[in-house]
C-alpha atoms as a PDB file:
ATOM      1  CA  UNK A   1       0.000   0.000   0.000  1.00  0.00           C
ATOM      2  CA  UNK A   2       2.887   2.353   0.725  1.00  0.00           C
ATOM      3  CA  UNK A   3       4.489   1.679  -2.650  1.00  0.00           C
ATOM      4  CA  UNK A   4       1.233   2.143  -4.549  1.00  0.00           C
ATOM      5  CA  UNK A   5       0.521   5.317  -2.561  1.00  0.00           C
ATOM      6  CA  UNK A   6       3.847   6.694  -3.769  1.00  0.00           C
ATOM      7  CA  UNK A   7       2.891   5.815  -7.339  1.00  0.00           C
ATOM      8  CA  UNK A   8      -0.408   7.697  -6.963  1.00  0.00           C
ATOM      9  CA  UNK A   9       1.527  10.726  -5.705  1.00  0.00           C
ATOM     10  CA  UNK A  10       3.822  10.565  -8.743  1.00  0.00           C
ATOM     11  CA  UNK A  11       0.803  10.312 -11.037  1.00  0.00           C
ATOM     12  CA  UNK A  12      -0.660  13.479  -9.527  1.00  0.00           C
ATOM     13  CA  UNK A  13       2.652  15.265 -10.062  1.00  0.00           C
ATOM     14  CA  UNK A  14       2.707  14.076 -13.666  1.00  0.00           C
ATOM     15  CA  UNK A  15      -0.724  15.571 -14.334  1.00  0.00           C
ATOM     16  CA  UNK A  16       0.389  18.888 -12.858  1.00  0.00           C
ATOM     17  CA  UNK A  17       3.578  18.758 -14.933  1.00  0.00           C
ATOM     18  CA  UNK A  18       1.661  18.171 -18.183  1.00  0.00           C
ATOM     19  CA  UNK A  19      -0.718  21.049 -17.450  1.00  0.00           C
ATOM     20  CA  UNK A  20       2.259  23.274 -16.611  1.00  0.00           C
ATOM     21  CA  UNK A  21       3.843  22.436 -19.973  1.00  0.00           C
ATOM     22  CA  UNK A  22       0.638  23.164 -21.865  1.00  0.00           C
ATOM     23  CA  UNK A  23      -0.052  26.473 -20.161  1.00  0.00           C
ATOM     24  CA  UNK A  24       3.609  27.538 -20.478  1.00  0.00           C
ATOM     25  CA  UNK A  25       3.379  26.981 -24.228  1.00  0.00           C
ATOM     26  CA  UNK A  26       0.034  28.788 -24.428  1.00  0.00           C
ATOM     27  CA  UNK A  27      -1.846  25.629 -25.388  1.00  0.00           C
ATOM     28  CA  UNK A  28      -5.435  25.018 -24.336  1.00  0.00           C
ATOM     29  CA  UNK A  29      -5.651  21.444 -22.937  1.00  0.00           C
ATOM     30  CA  UNK A  30      -9.275  21.164 -24.083  1.00  0.00           C
ATOM     31  CA  UNK A  31      -8.171  21.888 -27.655  1.00  0.00           C
ATOM     32  CA  UNK A  32      -5.641  19.063 -27.338  1.00  0.00           C
ATOM     33  CA  UNK A  33      -8.398  16.690 -26.259  1.00  0.00           C
ATOM     34  CA  UNK A  34     -10.557  17.817 -29.162  1.00  0.00           C
ATOM     35  CA  UNK A  35      -7.823  16.948 -31.673  1.00  0.00           C
ATOM     36  CA  UNK A  36      -8.032  13.276 -30.735  1.00  0.00           C
ATOM     37  CA  UNK A  37     -11.703  13.165 -29.756  1.00  0.00           C
ATOM     38  CA  UNK A  38     -12.792  11.577 -33.034  1.00  0.00           C
ATOM     39  CA  UNK A  39      -9.924   9.134 -33.334  1.00  0.00           C
ATOM     40  CA  UNK A  40     -11.125   5.548 -33.431  1.00  0.00           C
ATOM     41  CA  UNK A  41      -7.891   4.352 -31.821  1.00  0.00           C
ATOM     42  CA  UNK A  42      -8.415   6.660 -28.825  1.00  0.00           C
ATOM     43  CA  UNK A  43     -11.903   5.294 -28.220  1.00  0.00           C
ATOM     44  CA  UNK A  44     -10.544   1.767 -28.345  1.00  0.00           C
ATOM     45  CA  UNK A  45      -7.660   2.650 -26.020  1.00  0.00           C
ATOM     46  CA  UNK A  46     -10.001   4.324 -23.540  1.00  0.00           C
ATOM     47  CA  UNK A  47     -12.049   1.143 -23.476  1.00  0.00           C
ATOM     48  CA  UNK A  48      -8.954  -0.950 -22.844  1.00  0.00           C
ATOM     49  CA  UNK A  49      -7.726   1.324 -20.073  1.00  0.00           C
ATOM     50  CA  UNK A  50     -11.036   1.703 -18.231  1.00  0.00           C
ATOM     51  CA  UNK A  51     -12.361  -1.859 -18.230  1.00  0.00           C
ATOM     52  CA  UNK A  52     -14.043  -2.587 -14.865  1.00  0.00           C
ATOM     53  CA  UNK A  53     -11.323  -3.433 -12.321  1.00  0.00           C
ATOM     54  CA  UNK A  54     -11.646  -6.398  -9.987  1.00  0.00           C
ATOM     55  CA  UNK A  55      -9.709  -4.846  -7.110  1.00  0.00           C
ATOM     56  CA  UNK A  56     -11.839  -3.680  -4.180  1.00  0.00           C
ATOM     57  CA  UNK A  57     -11.784  -4.023  -0.405  1.00  0.00           C
ATOM     58  CA  UNK A  58     -14.265  -6.914  -0.243  1.00  0.00           C
ATOM     59  CA  UNK A  59     -12.754  -9.105  -2.957  1.00  0.00           C
ATOM     60  CA  UNK A  60     -12.464 -12.770  -1.991  1.00  0.00           C
ATOM     61  CA  UNK A  61      -8.930 -13.747  -2.997  1.00  0.00           C
ATOM     62  CA  UNK A  62      -9.461 -17.252  -1.676  1.00  0.00           C
ATOM     63  CA  UNK A  63     -11.365 -17.708  -4.924  1.00  0.00           C
ATOM     64  CA  UNK A  64      -9.019 -18.832  -7.724  1.00  0.00           C
ATOM     65  CA  UNK A  65     -11.061 -17.074 -10.418  1.00  0.00           C
ATOM     66  CA  UNK A  66     -10.769 -13.772  -8.560  1.00  0.00           C
ATOM     67  CA  UNK A  67      -7.009 -14.225  -8.256  1.00  0.00           C
ATOM     68  CA  UNK A  68      -6.793 -14.742 -12.009  1.00  0.00           C
ATOM     69  CA  UNK A  69      -8.872 -11.634 -12.661  1.00  0.00           C
ATOM     70  CA  UNK A  70      -6.716  -9.585 -10.304  1.00  0.00           C
ATOM     71  CA  UNK A  71      -3.478 -10.807 -11.895  1.00  0.00           C
ATOM     72  CA  UNK A  72      -4.912 -10.084 -15.351  1.00  0.00           C
ATOM     73  CA  UNK A  73      -5.807  -6.520 -14.343  1.00  0.00           C
ATOM     74  CA  UNK A  74      -2.352  -5.973 -12.842  1.00  0.00           C
ATOM     75  CA  UNK A  75      -0.730  -7.188 -16.064  1.00  0.00           C
ATOM     76  CA  UNK A  76      -3.095  -5.189 -18.254  1.00  0.00           C
ATOM     77  CA  UNK A  77      -2.636  -1.908 -16.421  1.00  0.00           C
ATOM     78  CA  UNK A  78       1.087  -2.297 -15.716  1.00  0.00           C
ATOM     79  CA  UNK A  79       2.382  -3.764 -18.977  1.00  0.00           C
ATOM     80  CA  UNK A  80      -0.229  -2.814 -21.592  1.00  0.00           C
ATOM     81  CA  UNK A  81      -1.562   0.564 -20.440  1.00  0.00           C
ATOM     82  CA  UNK A  82       1.475   1.951 -18.612  1.00  0.00           C
ATOM     83  CA  UNK A  83       4.034  -0.098 -20.504  1.00  0.00           C
ATOM     84  CA  UNK A  84       2.966   0.666 -24.073  1.00  0.00           C
ATOM     85  CA  UNK A  85       0.130   3.186 -24.446  1.00  0.00           C
ATOM     86  CA  UNK A  86       1.149   6.668 -25.694  1.00  0.00           C
ATOM     87  CA  UNK A  87       4.697   5.550 -26.435  1.00  0.00           C
ATOM     88  CA  UNK A  88       4.160   6.783 -30.001  1.00  0.00           C
ATOM     89  CA  UNK A  89       3.774  10.314 -28.644  1.00  0.00           C
ATOM     90  CA  UNK A  90       6.758   9.909 -26.333  1.00  0.00           C
ATOM     91  CA  UNK A  91       8.776   8.793 -29.360  1.00  0.00           C
ATOM     92  CA  UNK A  92       7.757  11.873 -31.361  1.00  0.00           C
ATOM     93  CA  UNK A  93       8.826  14.256 -28.580  1.00  0.00           C
ATOM     94  CA  UNK A  94      12.107  12.473 -27.949  1.00  0.00           C
ATOM     95  CA  UNK A  95      12.801  12.680 -31.690  1.00  0.00           C
ATOM     96  CA  UNK A  96      12.930  16.481 -31.537  1.00  0.00           C
ATOM     97  CA  UNK A  97      16.289  18.204 -31.774  1.00  0.00           C
ATOM     98  CA  UNK A  98      17.851  18.366 -28.294  1.00  0.00           C
ATOM     99  CA  UNK A  99      18.026  22.158 -28.539  1.00  0.00           C
ATOM    100  CA  UNK A 100      14.263  22.455 -29.054  1.00  0.00           C
ATOM    101  CA  UNK A 101      11.972  22.793 -26.008  1.00  0.00           C
ATOM    102  CA  UNK A 102      14.725  21.528 -23.651  1.00  0.00           C
ATOM    103  CA  UNK A 103      12.522  22.119 -20.603  1.00  0.00           C
ATOM    104  CA  UNK A 104       9.765  19.958 -22.051  1.00  0.00           C
ATOM    105  CA  UNK A 105      12.241  17.198 -22.868  1.00  0.00           C
ATOM    106  CA  UNK A 106      13.655  17.309 -19.343  1.00  0.00           C
ATOM    107  CA  UNK A 107      10.201  17.117 -17.793  1.00  0.00           C
ATOM    108  CA  UNK A 108       9.330  14.278 -20.155  1.00  0.00           C
ATOM    109  CA  UNK A 109      12.407  12.463 -18.879  1.00  0.00           C
ATOM    110  CA  UNK A 110      11.060  12.722 -15.333  1.00  0.00           C
ATOM    111  CA  UNK A 111       7.656  11.450 -16.478  1.00  0.00           C
ATOM    112  CA  UNK A 112       9.235   8.473 -18.238  1.00  0.00           C
ATOM    113  CA  UNK A 113      11.284   7.706 -15.139  1.00  0.00           C
ATOM    114  CA  UNK A 114       8.118   7.570 -13.048  1.00  0.00           C
ATOM    115  CA  UNK A 115       6.227   5.559 -15.660  1.00  0.00           C
ATOM    116  CA  UNK A 116       9.073   3.034 -15.744  1.00  0.00           C
ATOM    117  CA  UNK A 117       8.830   2.760 -11.964  1.00  0.00           C
ATOM    118  CA  UNK A 118       5.132   1.945 -12.219  1.00  0.00           C
ATOM    119  CA  UNK A 119       5.747  -0.681 -14.907  1.00  0.00           C
ATOM    120  CA  UNK A 120       8.400  -2.333 -12.743  1.00  0.00           C
ATOM    121  CA  UNK A 121       6.350  -2.257  -9.528  1.00  0.00           C
ATOM    122  CA  UNK A 122       3.342  -3.852 -11.204  1.00  0.00           C
ATOM    123  CA  UNK A 123       5.510  -6.379 -13.069  1.00  0.00           C
ATOM    124  CA  UNK A 124       7.088  -7.504  -9.787  1.00  0.00           C
ATOM    125  CA  UNK A 125       3.664  -7.737  -8.174  1.00  0.00           C
ATOM    126  CA  UNK A 126       2.407  -9.826 -11.110  1.00  0.00           C
ATOM    127  CA  UNK A 127       5.416 -12.164 -10.948  1.00  0.00           C
ATOM    128  CA  UNK A 128       4.914 -12.659  -7.199  1.00  0.00           C
ATOM    129  CA  UNK A 129       1.284 -13.610  -7.825  1.00  0.00           C
ATOM    130  CA  UNK A 130       2.301 -16.088 -10.525  1.00  0.00           C
ATOM    131  CA  UNK A 131       4.887 -17.664  -8.222  1.00  0.00           C
ATOM    132  CA  UNK A 132       2.276 -18.127  -5.481  1.00  0.00           C
ATOM    133  CA  UNK A 133      -0.622 -19.327  -7.653  1.00  0.00           C
ATOM    134  CA  UNK A 134      -0.099 -22.302 -10.029  1.00  0.00           C
ATOM    135  CA  UNK A 135      -3.369 -21.558 -11.892  1.00  0.00           C
ATOM    136  CA  UNK A 136      -1.734 -18.405 -13.289  1.00  0.00           C
ATOM    137  CA  UNK A 137       0.730 -20.568 -15.216  1.00  0.00           C
ATOM    138  CA  UNK A 138      -1.910 -22.253 -17.375  1.00  0.00           C
ATOM    139  CA  UNK A 139      -1.805 -21.947 -21.150  1.00  0.00           C
ATOM    140  CA  UNK A 140      -5.341 -20.535 -21.127  1.00  0.00           C
ATOM    141  CA  UNK A 141      -4.369 -17.683 -18.797  1.00  0.00           C
ATOM    142  CA  UNK A 142      -1.176 -16.925 -20.706  1.00  0.00           C
ATOM    143  CA  UNK A 143      -3.111 -16.826 -23.974  1.00  0.00           C
ATOM    144  CA  UNK A 144      -5.553 -14.378 -22.409  1.00  0.00           C
ATOM    145  CA  UNK A 145      -2.703 -12.061 -21.440  1.00  0.00           C
ATOM    146  CA  UNK A 146      -1.214 -12.337 -24.930  1.00  0.00           C
ATOM    147  CA  UNK A 147      -4.594 -11.319 -26.343  1.00  0.00           C
ATOM    148  CA  UNK A 148      -4.652  -8.205 -24.165  1.00  0.00           C
ATOM    149  CA  UNK A 149      -1.200  -7.207 -25.378  1.00  0.00           C
ATOM    150  CA  UNK A 150      -2.134  -7.816 -29.027  1.00  0.00           C
ATOM    151  CA  UNK A 151      -5.163  -5.527 -28.639  1.00  0.00           C
ATOM    152  CA  UNK A 152      -2.943  -2.833 -27.125  1.00  0.00           C
ATOM    153  CA  UNK A 153      -0.349  -3.157 -29.903  1.00  0.00           C
ATOM    154  CA  UNK A 154      -3.025  -2.844 -32.588  1.00  0.00           C
ATOM    155  CA  UNK A 155      -4.581   0.184 -30.889  1.00  0.00           C
ATOM    156  CA  UNK A 156      -1.224   1.929 -30.400  1.00  0.00           C
ATOM    157  CA  UNK A 157      -0.225   1.352 -34.035  1.00  0.00           C
ATOM    158  CA  UNK A 158      -3.521   2.811 -35.215  1.00  0.00           C
ATOM    159  CA  UNK A 159      -3.037   5.786 -32.893  1.00  0.00           C
ATOM    160  CA  UNK A 160       0.423   6.338 -34.380  1.00  0.00           C
ATOM    161  CA  UNK A 161      -0.975   6.297 -37.908  1.00  0.00           C
ATOM    162  CA  UNK A 162      -3.744   8.747 -37.029  1.00  0.00           C
ATOM    163  CA  UNK A 163      -1.693  11.214 -35.010  1.00  0.00           C
ATOM    164  CA  UNK A 164       1.829  11.095 -36.460  1.00  0.00           C
ATOM    165  CA  UNK A 165       1.184  11.025 -40.190  1.00  0.00           C
ATOM    166  CA  UNK A 166       3.558  13.003 -42.394  1.00  0.00           C
ATOM    167  CA  UNK A 167       7.305  13.524 -42.296  1.00  0.00           C
ATOM    168  CA  UNK A 168       7.626  15.424 -39.006  1.00  0.00           C
ATOM    169  CA  UNK A 169       9.667  12.628 -37.394  1.00  0.00           C
ATOM    170  CA  UNK A 170      12.999  11.217 -38.497  1.00  0.00           C
ATOM    171  CA  UNK A 171      11.516   7.714 -38.517  1.00  0.00           C
ATOM    172  CA  UNK A 172       8.651   6.274 -40.549  1.00  0.00           C
ATOM    173  CA  UNK A 173       5.306   5.022 -39.292  1.00  0.00           C
ATOM    174  CA  UNK A 174       6.443   1.513 -40.283  1.00  0.00           C
ATOM    175  CA  UNK A 175       9.567   1.849 -38.124  1.00  0.00           C
ATOM    176  CA  UNK A 176       7.483   3.140 -35.242  1.00  0.00           C
ATOM    177  CA  UNK A 177       5.170   0.153 -35.659  1.00  0.00           C
ATOM    178  CA  UNK A 178       8.199  -2.118 -35.450  1.00  0.00           C
ATOM    179  CA  UNK A 179       9.299  -0.382 -32.264  1.00  0.00           C
ATOM    180  CA  UNK A 180       5.833  -0.913 -30.750  1.00  0.00           C
ATOM    181  CA  UNK A 181       6.115  -4.644 -31.553  1.00  0.00           C
ATOM    182  CA  UNK A 182       9.577  -4.720 -29.987  1.00  0.00           C
ATOM    183  CA  UNK A 183       8.410  -2.860 -26.878  1.00  0.00           C
ATOM    184  CA  UNK A 184       5.451  -5.219 -26.451  1.00  0.00           C
ATOM    185  CA  UNK A 185       7.786  -8.214 -26.548  1.00  0.00           C
ATOM    186  CA  UNK A 186      10.014  -6.612 -23.922  1.00  0.00           C
ATOM    187  CA  UNK A 187       6.984  -6.292 -21.632  1.00  0.00           C
ATOM    188  CA  UNK A 188       5.895  -9.873 -22.346  1.00  0.00           C
ATOM    189  CA  UNK A 189       9.329 -11.372 -21.687  1.00  0.00           C
ATOM    190  CA  UNK A 190       9.662  -9.334 -18.507  1.00  0.00           C
ATOM    191  CA  UNK A 191       6.584 -11.141 -17.201  1.00  0.00           C
ATOM    192  CA  UNK A 192       7.855 -14.570 -18.230  1.00  0.00           C
ATOM    193  CA  UNK A 193       5.524 -14.771 -21.230  1.00  0.00           C
ATOM    194  CA  UNK A 194       6.210 -15.776 -24.827  1.00  0.00           C
ATOM    195  CA  UNK A 195       7.047 -13.101 -27.397  1.00  0.00           C
ATOM    196  CA  UNK A 196       4.358 -12.041 -29.838  1.00  0.00           C
ATOM    197  CA  UNK A 197       6.935 -11.310 -32.554  1.00  0.00           C
ATOM    198  CA  UNK A 198       9.935 -13.591 -31.830  1.00  0.00           C
ATOM    199  CA  UNK A 199      13.266 -12.232 -32.977  1.00  0.00           C
ATOM    200  CA  UNK A 200      11.957  -8.705 -33.531  1.00  0.00           C
ATOM    201  CA  UNK A 201      14.757  -6.138 -33.314  1.00  0.00           C
ATOM    202  CA  UNK A 202      14.430  -2.490 -32.291  1.00  0.00           C
ATOM    203  CA  UNK A 203      14.269  -0.487 -35.559  1.00  0.00           C
ATOM    204  CA  UNK A 204      14.774   2.831 -33.714  1.00  0.00           C
ATOM    205  CA  UNK A 205      17.682   2.287 -31.252  1.00  0.00           C
ATOM    206  CA  UNK A 206      17.553   5.847 -29.910  1.00  0.00           C
ATOM    207  CA  UNK A 207      14.155   5.044 -28.365  1.00  0.00           C
ATOM    208  CA  UNK A 208      15.613   2.289 -26.183  1.00  0.00           C
ATOM    209  CA  UNK A 209      15.383   4.656 -23.219  1.00  0.00           C
ATOM    210  CA  UNK A 210      11.604   4.304 -23.333  1.00  0.00           C
ATOM    211  CA  UNK A 211      11.951   0.698 -22.165  1.00  0.00           C
ATOM    212  CA  UNK A 212      13.891   1.163 -18.927  1.00  0.00           C
END
């Protein structure tokens, strides 16, 4: 509870930091939301990120099905939502010349540091649950987790195509798609799961920092 409380505190700081960036640049946050409001990929991602959680004070964790649901939610939120969603936007900002918006890049570095902490905390929690509960090692459960990651990969690729079209970045949409595949496999392997794209290499090495 102490660790997760710290993560909540960091999340609140991140929201304040993003608003500070927007207002400092004279950008209306509601206009930013409107840009993506009609994007099909955003609607799909919102659905993935806000699926009804199983965690509540009265949950009966003596029930094996509830333990599976809890472990699934921990994996989904930690590795799919926090570990992959919006990485296309992170990639676009990190691709900027280092002399452009240096303050924004520095603040983004802090945000990525905190996001990486959340991914690691939830990965460790997931691995502890798997070690304690043999039912979480079944092929059926592992296939379910792989399905969640595939949905996230597809949604993130579509988001990249909708929001980063053109030649603004030094890498292509195809290369960014390859990086998303590579990042997803890093998250899967970190949880002791099989790769979705075995042998996939990182096509944009300078984005390796996103996967700390």
